[in-house]
Protein backbone atom coordinates (compact mmCIF):
# COMPACT_ATOMS: atom_id res chain seq x y z
CA MET A 1 0.00 0.00 0.00
CA VAL A 2 2.83 2.41 0.83
CA GLN A 3 4.43 1.93 -2.60
CA ILE A 4 1.10 2.51 -4.36
CA LEU A 5 0.49 5.76 -2.47
CA LYS A 6 4.08 6.96 -2.98
CA HIS A 7 3.73 6.33 -6.71
CA ARG A 8 0.37 8.12 -6.96
CA TYR A 9 1.27 11.01 -4.59
CA PRO A 10 5.06 11.51 -4.70
CA SER A 11 4.94 14.92 -2.97
CA LEU A 12 3.20 13.69 0.20
CA LYS A 13 5.12 13.11 3.43
CA ILE A 14 4.62 9.63 4.87
CA ASP A 15 4.15 8.78 8.54
CA ASP A 16 4.39 5.01 8.78
CA SER A 17 4.96 4.15 12.42
CA GLY A 18 4.76 0.42 11.73
CA GLN A 19 1.36 0.09 13.38
CA ASN A 20 -2.00 -0.43 11.70
CA ILE A 21 -2.22 3.11 10.35
CA ILE A 22 -0.40 5.06 7.65
CA LYS A 23 -0.74 8.83 7.18
CA PHE A 24 0.33 10.90 4.19
CA LYS A 25 0.20 14.66 4.30
CA LYS A 26 1.00 17.60 2.03
CA GLU A 27 0.78 21.08 3.51
CA THR A 28 -1.31 23.78 1.86
CA GLY A 29 0.75 26.25 -0.18
CA LEU A 30 0.11 29.76 -1.36
CA PHE A 31 -1.50 28.56 -4.61
CA THR A 32 -1.92 24.83 -3.88
CA TRP A 33 -4.37 22.73 -1.94
CA GLY A 34 -3.20 20.50 0.87
CA LYS A 35 -3.87 16.77 0.95
CA GLU A 36 -4.23 14.26 3.76
CA ILE A 37 -4.59 10.52 3.23
CA THR A 38 -5.11 8.07 6.07
CA VAL A 39 -4.97 4.29 5.61
CA LEU A 40 -6.19 2.06 8.44
CA PHE A 41 -5.62 -1.71 8.45
CA GLU A 42 -8.01 -3.78 10.56
CA GLU A 43 -7.83 -7.57 10.31
CA LYS A 44 -8.72 -8.24 6.63
CA GLN A 45 -10.17 -4.78 5.92
CA VAL A 46 -8.40 -1.67 4.61
CA TYR A 47 -10.00 1.73 5.16
CA ILE A 48 -8.80 4.74 3.16
CA ASN A 49 -9.73 8.37 3.76
CA SER A 50 -8.65 11.21 1.47
CA THR A 51 -9.20 14.85 2.38
CA THR A 52 -8.32 17.98 0.46
CA LEU A 53 -7.33 20.84 2.73
CA GLY A 54 -7.70 24.56 2.18
CA ARG A 55 -6.31 27.44 4.18
CA TYR A 56 -5.91 26.85 7.91
CA HIS A 57 -6.34 23.07 7.34
CA MET A 58 -10.06 23.42 6.63
CA LYS A 59 -11.57 20.47 4.76
CA SER A 60 -12.76 21.29 1.25
CA PRO A 61 -16.22 19.88 0.41
CA VAL A 62 -15.76 21.00 -3.21
CA HIS A 63 -13.15 18.28 -3.80
CA SER A 64 -15.14 15.35 -2.41
CA ILE A 65 -15.91 13.86 -5.85
CA PHE A 66 -12.21 14.03 -6.83
CA ASN A 67 -11.22 12.41 -3.53
CA THR A 68 -13.74 9.61 -4.16
CA ILE A 69 -12.38 9.00 -7.65
CA SER A 70 -8.79 8.89 -6.39
CA MET A 71 -9.76 6.43 -3.62
CA LEU A 72 -11.39 4.15 -6.20
CA GLN A 73 -8.18 4.26 -8.27
CA ILE A 74 -6.07 3.44 -5.20
CA LYS A 75 -8.42 0.56 -4.38
CA LYS A 76 -8.02 -0.78 -7.93
CA ASP A 77 -4.22 -0.46 -7.78
CA PHE A 78 -4.15 -2.23 -4.40
CA GLN A 79 -6.33 -5.09 -5.64
CA GLN A 80 -4.13 -5.54 -8.71
CA ALA A 81 -0.96 -5.54 -6.59
CA GLU A 82 -2.53 -8.02 -4.17
CA ALA A 83 -3.57 -10.31 -7.06
CA LYS A 84 -0.04 -10.20 -8.48
CA GLY A 85 1.39 -11.01 -5.06
CA LYS A 86 -0.91 -14.00 -4.66
CA SER A 87 -0.18 -15.30 -8.15
CA THR A 88 3.59 -15.19 -7.55
CA ALA A 89 3.54 -16.40 -3.93
CA PRO A 90 5.04 -19.84 -3.34
CA ASN A 91 2.68 -22.57 -2.10
């Protein structure tokens, strides 16, 4: 999952403490939106949250459709990577 997110969002800072949660964050700039992605692993489930941030770290409701589309793309990439891993895993 970390490699997929690094590939899709190379400018985000990663906070991977080795626990069941990964956080990526990009600060808001003068002319750019900020981004925050949180990935939570719980047993066999993976939960992903993507938030676009405006000034003063306020969440932007305008970008919700774009965040949804990017989460669906990440889900697809993760499923493809998982399928490749299973097909090459030794028995």
